[in-house]
Amino acid sequence: MPDLVKVARSQVNKDVDVLLVSYDLQLPKADREAMPARVAKFVGNRGWGFPVVIWGDSDVESVNERFDLPGAIPVTLAFDKDGREVGRCEGEGGAEEFAELFAKVRAR
């Protein structure tokens, strides 16, 4: 995440949006009511400054199928302005990989 955040911050004002998605509600015994505050605190403590969606649907397989996700996280997906996937990084990526994803988004 640190490399993604660093590269994403360099993209501010370049017509690129960053949205983080938390799968934390999929954890065993996850507290549905407490999770939004926990995620907000986690993100806030790191100073990431990007919006976070907490995936709350118990049907993880449908989102995995829809986006052809490998099942393991992290996965970073890049979409163009029309919502088409233009790139991805499966696993923990580095700054170079993330910069390439942002370049693909801006090129569309």
Protein backbone atom coordinates (compact mmCIF):
# COMPACT_ATOMS: atom_id res chain seq x y z
CA MET A 1 0.00 0.00 0.00
CA PRO A 2 2.73 2.55 0.68
CA ASP A 3 3.93 2.45 -2.93
CA LEU A 4 0.37 2.68 -4.27
CA VAL A 5 -0.39 5.67 -2.05
CA LYS A 6 2.86 7.41 -3.00
CA VAL A 7 2.21 7.00 -6.73
CA ALA A 8 -1.48 7.87 -6.36
CA ARG A 9 -0.62 11.13 -4.61
CA SER A 10 1.53 12.09 -7.58
CA GLN A 11 -1.56 11.69 -9.77
CA VAL A 12 -3.68 14.28 -7.96
CA ASN A 13 -5.10 16.84 -10.40
CA LYS A 14 -4.41 14.55 -13.37
CA ASP A 15 -8.02 13.43 -13.87
CA VAL A 16 -7.37 10.18 -12.00
CA ASP A 17 -9.45 9.02 -9.04
CA VAL A 18 -8.39 6.45 -6.47
CA LEU A 19 -10.90 4.34 -4.58
CA LEU A 20 -9.84 1.80 -1.97
CA VAL A 21 -12.00 -1.26 -1.31
CA SER A 22 -11.89 -3.05 2.03
CA TYR A 23 -12.84 -6.72 2.28
CA ASP A 24 -12.52 -6.62 6.08
CA LEU A 25 -16.16 -7.61 6.61
CA GLN A 26 -15.27 -10.97 5.10
CA LEU A 27 -13.05 -11.77 8.09
CA PRO A 28 -14.41 -14.36 10.51
CA LYS A 29 -16.40 -12.73 13.31
CA ALA A 30 -16.14 -9.27 11.71
CA ASP A 31 -18.24 -6.72 13.58
CA ARG A 32 -20.47 -5.15 10.92
CA GLU A 33 -21.32 -2.14 13.07
CA ALA A 34 -17.78 -1.41 14.26
CA MET A 35 -16.03 -2.00 10.94
CA PRO A 36 -16.59 1.43 9.34
CA ALA A 37 -14.94 3.16 12.30
CA ARG A 38 -12.10 0.61 12.38
CA VAL A 39 -11.39 1.03 8.68
CA ALA A 40 -11.60 4.83 8.92
CA LYS A 41 -9.15 4.81 11.83
CA PHE A 42 -6.77 2.44 10.01
CA VAL A 43 -6.78 4.58 6.86
CA GLY A 44 -6.64 7.84 8.83
CA ASN A 45 -3.68 6.71 10.93
CA ARG A 46 -1.76 6.08 7.73
CA GLY A 47 -2.79 9.38 6.16
CA TRP A 48 -3.83 7.79 2.90
CA GLY A 49 -6.53 10.36 2.18
CA PHE A 50 -8.49 8.34 -0.38
CA PRO A 51 -12.12 7.23 -0.12
CA VAL A 52 -12.73 3.68 1.05
CA VAL A 53 -15.66 1.43 0.23
CA ILE A 54 -16.23 -1.44 2.64
CA TRP A 55 -17.43 -4.44 0.64
CA GLY A 56 -20.27 -5.74 2.78
CA ASP A 57 -21.93 -8.33 0.59
CA SER A 58 -21.31 -11.86 1.79
CA ASP A 59 -21.27 -13.04 -1.83
CA VAL A 60 -17.59 -12.44 -2.51
CA GLU A 61 -17.61 -14.92 -5.37
CA SER A 62 -19.86 -12.70 -7.48
CA VAL A 63 -17.43 -9.77 -7.30
CA ASN A 64 -14.50 -12.13 -7.86
CA GLU A 65 -16.20 -13.48 -10.98
CA ARG A 66 -17.29 -10.05 -12.22
CA PHE A 67 -13.75 -8.67 -12.06
CA ASP A 68 -11.93 -11.98 -12.64
CA LEU A 69 -10.20 -11.68 -9.28
CA PRO A 70 -7.81 -14.39 -8.14
CA GLY A 71 -9.38 -14.64 -4.69
CA ALA A 72 -6.26 -13.52 -2.84
CA ILE A 73 -5.73 -9.89 -1.90
CA PRO A 74 -4.33 -7.36 -2.49
CA VAL A 75 -5.39 -6.77 -6.07
CA THR A 76 -5.18 -3.37 -7.73
CA LEU A 77 -7.45 -2.73 -10.70
CA ALA A 78 -7.18 0.25 -13.04
CA PHE A 79 -10.17 1.47 -15.05
CA ASP A 80 -10.46 4.11 -17.73
CA LYS A 81 -13.08 6.87 -17.64
CA ASP A 82 -15.58 4.55 -19.36
CA GLY A 83 -15.22 1.88 -16.68
CA ARG A 84 -13.15 -0.53 -18.75
CA GLU A 85 -10.33 -2.34 -17.00
CA VAL A 86 -7.01 -1.22 -18.49
CA GLY A 87 -4.63 -2.98 -16.13
CA ARG A 88 -4.16 -4.81 -12.86
CA CYS A 89 -1.57 -5.76 -10.30
CA GLU A 90 -2.20 -9.00 -8.43
CA GLY A 91 -0.36 -9.20 -5.14
CA GLU A 92 1.74 -6.52 -3.53
CA GLY A 93 2.93 -4.29 -6.35
CA GLY A 94 5.70 -1.76 -6.42
CA ALA A 95 5.91 1.88 -7.40
CA GLU A 96 6.89 1.08 -10.98
CA GLU A 97 3.91 -1.22 -11.51
CA PHE A 98 1.50 1.33 -10.05
CA ALA A 99 2.97 4.14 -12.15
CA GLU A 100 2.36 1.98 -15.23
CA LEU A 101 -1.27 1.45 -14.21
CA PHE A 102 -1.85 5.18 -13.78
CA ALA A 103 -0.20 5.84 -17.14
CA LYS A 104 -2.60 3.37 -18.77
CA VAL A 105 -5.56 5.14 -17.18
CA ARG A 106 -4.40 8.58 -18.34
CA ALA A 107 -3.71 7.29 -21.86
CA ARG A 108 -7.36 6.33 -22.39
